[in-house]
N, C-alpha and C. Protein backbone atom coordinates (compact mmCIF):
# COMPACT_ATOMS: atom_id res chain seq x y z
N MET A 1 -51.36 -48.17 -44.18
CA MET A 1 -50.21 -48.62 -43.46
C MET A 1 -49.25 -49.28 -44.44
N LEU A 2 -47.98 -49.03 -44.25
CA LEU A 2 -46.97 -49.58 -45.14
C LEU A 2 -46.61 -51.00 -44.73
N SER A 3 -46.22 -51.79 -45.70
CA SER A 3 -45.82 -53.16 -45.42
C SER A 3 -44.43 -53.18 -44.79
N HIS A 4 -44.11 -54.30 -44.16
CA HIS A 4 -42.79 -54.49 -43.55
C HIS A 4 -41.70 -54.33 -44.61
N GLU A 5 -41.95 -54.85 -45.81
CA GLU A 5 -40.97 -54.76 -46.89
C GLU A 5 -40.72 -53.31 -47.30
N THR A 6 -41.79 -52.52 -47.33
CA THR A 6 -41.65 -51.11 -47.69
C THR A 6 -40.83 -50.37 -46.64
N TYR A 7 -41.11 -50.64 -45.36
CA TYR A 7 -40.31 -50.02 -44.29
C TYR A 7 -38.84 -50.39 -44.43
N GLU A 8 -38.57 -51.65 -44.72
CA GLU A 8 -37.18 -52.08 -44.88
C GLU A 8 -36.53 -51.39 -46.07
N TYR A 9 -37.28 -51.24 -47.15
CA TYR A 9 -36.76 -50.55 -48.32
C TYR A 9 -36.38 -49.11 -47.97
N TYR A 10 -37.25 -48.42 -47.24
CA TYR A 10 -36.96 -47.05 -46.84
C TYR A 10 -35.78 -46.98 -45.89
N ARG A 11 -35.65 -47.94 -45.00
CA ARG A 11 -34.51 -47.96 -44.06
C ARG A 11 -33.19 -48.13 -44.78
N ARG A 12 -33.20 -48.87 -45.88
CA ARG A 12 -31.96 -49.11 -46.62
C ARG A 12 -31.58 -47.92 -47.51
N MET A 13 -32.51 -46.99 -47.72
CA MET A 13 -32.22 -45.83 -48.56
C MET A 13 -31.24 -44.90 -47.83
N SER A 14 -30.43 -44.24 -48.62
CA SER A 14 -29.53 -43.24 -48.04
C SER A 14 -30.36 -41.99 -47.72
N PRO A 15 -29.84 -41.13 -46.85
CA PRO A 15 -30.56 -39.88 -46.56
C PRO A 15 -30.83 -39.06 -47.82
N SER A 16 -29.89 -39.03 -48.75
CA SER A 16 -30.11 -38.24 -49.97
C SER A 16 -31.21 -38.86 -50.82
N GLN A 17 -31.33 -40.19 -50.84
CA GLN A 17 -32.40 -40.83 -51.58
C GLN A 17 -33.76 -40.53 -50.95
N ARG A 18 -33.82 -40.56 -49.62
CA ARG A 18 -35.08 -40.24 -48.93
C ARG A 18 -35.47 -38.78 -49.18
N LEU A 19 -34.49 -37.89 -49.15
CA LEU A 19 -34.78 -36.48 -49.42
C LEU A 19 -35.29 -36.29 -50.84
N GLN A 20 -34.66 -36.95 -51.80
CA GLN A 20 -35.10 -36.85 -53.19
C GLN A 20 -36.54 -37.36 -53.32
N LEU A 21 -36.87 -38.45 -52.69
CA LEU A 21 -38.23 -38.98 -52.73
C LEU A 21 -39.21 -37.99 -52.10
N THR A 22 -38.83 -37.39 -50.99
CA THR A 22 -39.68 -36.41 -50.31
C THR A 22 -39.95 -35.21 -51.20
N VAL A 23 -38.91 -34.70 -51.85
CA VAL A 23 -39.06 -33.54 -52.72
C VAL A 23 -39.96 -33.87 -53.91
N GLN A 24 -39.81 -35.07 -54.46
CA GLN A 24 -40.67 -35.49 -55.57
C GLN A 24 -42.13 -35.54 -55.14
N MET A 25 -42.39 -36.06 -53.95
CA MET A 25 -43.76 -36.15 -53.45
C MET A 25 -44.33 -34.75 -53.19
N MET A 26 -43.51 -33.87 -52.66
CA MET A 26 -43.97 -32.51 -52.36
C MET A 26 -44.29 -31.74 -53.64
N ASP A 27 -43.57 -32.02 -54.72
CA ASP A 27 -43.79 -31.31 -55.97
C ASP A 27 -45.22 -31.52 -56.47
N GLY A 28 -45.69 -32.75 -56.43
CA GLY A 28 -47.05 -33.03 -56.87
C GLY A 28 -48.09 -32.44 -55.94
N ILE A 29 -47.83 -32.48 -54.67
CA ILE A 29 -48.76 -31.96 -53.68
C ILE A 29 -48.86 -30.44 -53.76
N GLU A 30 -47.72 -29.80 -54.01
CA GLU A 30 -47.70 -28.34 -54.07
C GLU A 30 -48.64 -27.82 -55.14
N ARG A 31 -48.63 -28.44 -56.30
CA ARG A 31 -49.51 -27.99 -57.37
C ARG A 31 -50.98 -28.15 -56.98
N ALA A 32 -51.29 -29.26 -56.33
CA ALA A 32 -52.69 -29.53 -55.96
C ALA A 32 -53.16 -28.58 -54.86
N ILE A 33 -52.32 -28.35 -53.87
CA ILE A 33 -52.76 -27.53 -52.73
C ILE A 33 -52.87 -26.06 -53.10
N LEU A 34 -52.10 -25.62 -54.07
CA LEU A 34 -52.14 -24.20 -54.45
C LEU A 34 -53.14 -23.93 -55.58
N ALA A 35 -53.83 -24.96 -56.04
CA ALA A 35 -54.83 -24.78 -57.10
C ALA A 35 -56.11 -24.22 -56.50
N GLY A 36 -56.73 -23.31 -57.21
CA GLY A 36 -58.00 -22.75 -56.77
C GLY A 36 -57.88 -21.28 -56.41
N SER A 37 -59.00 -20.73 -55.97
CA SER A 37 -59.04 -19.33 -55.59
C SER A 37 -58.28 -19.12 -54.28
N PRO A 38 -57.93 -17.89 -53.96
CA PRO A 38 -57.25 -17.64 -52.69
C PRO A 38 -58.04 -18.15 -51.48
N GLU A 39 -59.37 -18.06 -51.56
CA GLU A 39 -60.21 -18.55 -50.46
C GLU A 39 -60.12 -20.07 -50.33
N GLN A 40 -60.12 -20.76 -51.48
CA GLN A 40 -60.02 -22.22 -51.46
C GLN A 40 -58.66 -22.65 -50.89
N VAL A 41 -57.61 -21.98 -51.32
CA VAL A 41 -56.26 -22.31 -50.84
C VAL A 41 -56.18 -22.06 -49.33
N ALA A 42 -56.74 -20.95 -48.87
CA ALA A 42 -56.72 -20.65 -47.44
C ALA A 42 -57.46 -21.73 -46.65
N ARG A 43 -58.59 -22.21 -47.19
CA ARG A 43 -59.35 -23.27 -46.51
C ARG A 43 -58.54 -24.56 -46.45
N LYS A 44 -57.82 -24.87 -47.53
CA LYS A 44 -56.99 -26.08 -47.56
C LYS A 44 -55.92 -26.01 -46.47
N PHE A 45 -55.26 -24.85 -46.37
CA PHE A 45 -54.21 -24.71 -45.35
C PHE A 45 -54.79 -24.71 -43.94
N GLU A 46 -55.96 -24.14 -43.77
CA GLU A 46 -56.60 -24.16 -42.45
C GLU A 46 -56.94 -25.59 -42.06
N LEU A 47 -57.44 -26.38 -43.00
CA LEU A 47 -57.75 -27.78 -42.72
C LEU A 47 -56.47 -28.54 -42.35
N LEU A 48 -55.38 -28.29 -43.07
CA LEU A 48 -54.10 -28.93 -42.74
C LEU A 48 -53.65 -28.56 -41.33
N ARG A 49 -53.80 -27.28 -40.96
CA ARG A 49 -53.41 -26.84 -39.61
C ARG A 49 -54.27 -27.53 -38.55
N LEU A 50 -55.58 -27.62 -38.80
CA LEU A 50 -56.47 -28.27 -37.84
C LEU A 50 -56.12 -29.75 -37.68
N GLN A 51 -55.86 -30.42 -38.79
CA GLN A 51 -55.50 -31.84 -38.74
C GLN A 51 -54.18 -32.03 -38.00
N ASN A 52 -53.22 -31.16 -38.25
CA ASN A 52 -51.93 -31.24 -37.58
C ASN A 52 -52.09 -31.00 -36.08
N ASP A 53 -52.89 -30.01 -35.71
CA ASP A 53 -53.13 -29.73 -34.29
C ASP A 53 -53.78 -30.92 -33.60
N GLN A 54 -54.72 -31.58 -34.29
CA GLN A 54 -55.39 -32.74 -33.70
C GLN A 54 -54.40 -33.90 -33.51
N ARG A 55 -53.54 -34.13 -34.51
CA ARG A 55 -52.52 -35.18 -34.38
C ARG A 55 -51.59 -34.88 -33.21
N ASN A 56 -51.16 -33.63 -33.09
CA ASN A 56 -50.28 -33.25 -31.99
C ASN A 56 -50.97 -33.45 -30.64
N HIS A 57 -52.22 -33.06 -30.56
CA HIS A 57 -52.98 -33.22 -29.32
C HIS A 57 -53.10 -34.70 -28.95
N THR A 58 -53.41 -35.53 -29.93
CA THR A 58 -53.53 -36.97 -29.70
C THR A 58 -52.21 -37.56 -29.22
N MET A 59 -51.11 -37.15 -29.84
CA MET A 59 -49.80 -37.67 -29.43
C MET A 59 -49.46 -37.21 -28.01
N LEU A 60 -49.75 -35.97 -27.68
CA LEU A 60 -49.46 -35.47 -26.33
C LEU A 60 -50.29 -36.21 -25.29
N GLN A 61 -51.54 -36.52 -25.61
CA GLN A 61 -52.37 -37.29 -24.69
C GLN A 61 -51.78 -38.69 -24.48
N ALA A 62 -51.32 -39.31 -25.56
CA ALA A 62 -50.73 -40.65 -25.45
C ALA A 62 -49.45 -40.61 -24.62
N ILE A 63 -48.64 -39.59 -24.81
CA ILE A 63 -47.40 -39.44 -24.04
C ILE A 63 -47.73 -39.24 -22.57
N ALA A 64 -48.74 -38.43 -22.30
CA ALA A 64 -49.14 -38.17 -20.91
C ALA A 64 -49.61 -39.45 -20.23
N ARG A 65 -50.29 -40.32 -20.97
CA ARG A 65 -50.76 -41.58 -20.38
C ARG A 65 -49.61 -42.52 -20.03
N THR A 66 -48.47 -42.37 -20.71
CA THR A 66 -47.35 -43.27 -20.45
C THR A 66 -46.51 -42.83 -19.26
N ARG A 67 -46.71 -41.62 -18.77
CA ARG A 67 -45.94 -41.12 -17.63
C ARG A 67 -46.44 -41.75 -16.33
N PRO A 68 -45.52 -42.07 -15.44
CA PRO A 68 -45.94 -42.62 -14.15
C PRO A 68 -46.78 -41.60 -13.36
N ALA A 69 -47.63 -42.10 -12.51
CA ALA A 69 -48.52 -41.23 -11.72
C ALA A 69 -47.72 -40.25 -10.86
N ALA A 70 -46.58 -40.68 -10.34
CA ALA A 70 -45.75 -39.80 -9.49
C ALA A 70 -45.27 -38.58 -10.27
N ALA A 71 -44.95 -38.76 -11.55
CA ALA A 71 -44.47 -37.63 -12.34
C ALA A 71 -45.58 -36.62 -12.58
N LYS A 72 -46.82 -37.08 -12.64
CA LYS A 72 -47.95 -36.18 -12.86
C LYS A 72 -48.22 -35.30 -11.64
N ASN A 73 -47.89 -35.77 -10.45
CA ASN A 73 -48.18 -35.04 -9.22
C ASN A 73 -47.12 -34.00 -8.87
N LYS A 74 -46.06 -33.93 -9.60
CA LYS A 74 -44.99 -32.97 -9.29
C LYS A 74 -45.35 -31.58 -9.68
């Protein structure tokens, strides 16, 4: 979890600064994720897809819990 100061630092950044930071972070990750045999790379991407699907499912469940009961019965 990021500190309050770090969040404030990111909020003060311009969109172009945030994009530049994102691209820099992706550059290092790209080399790591594409390293290995085609089977290893495929497994890495499958794991990322599974993790993303689980996060999406968890968020949708949380959103559903916040809806009023009347909205669920429609």
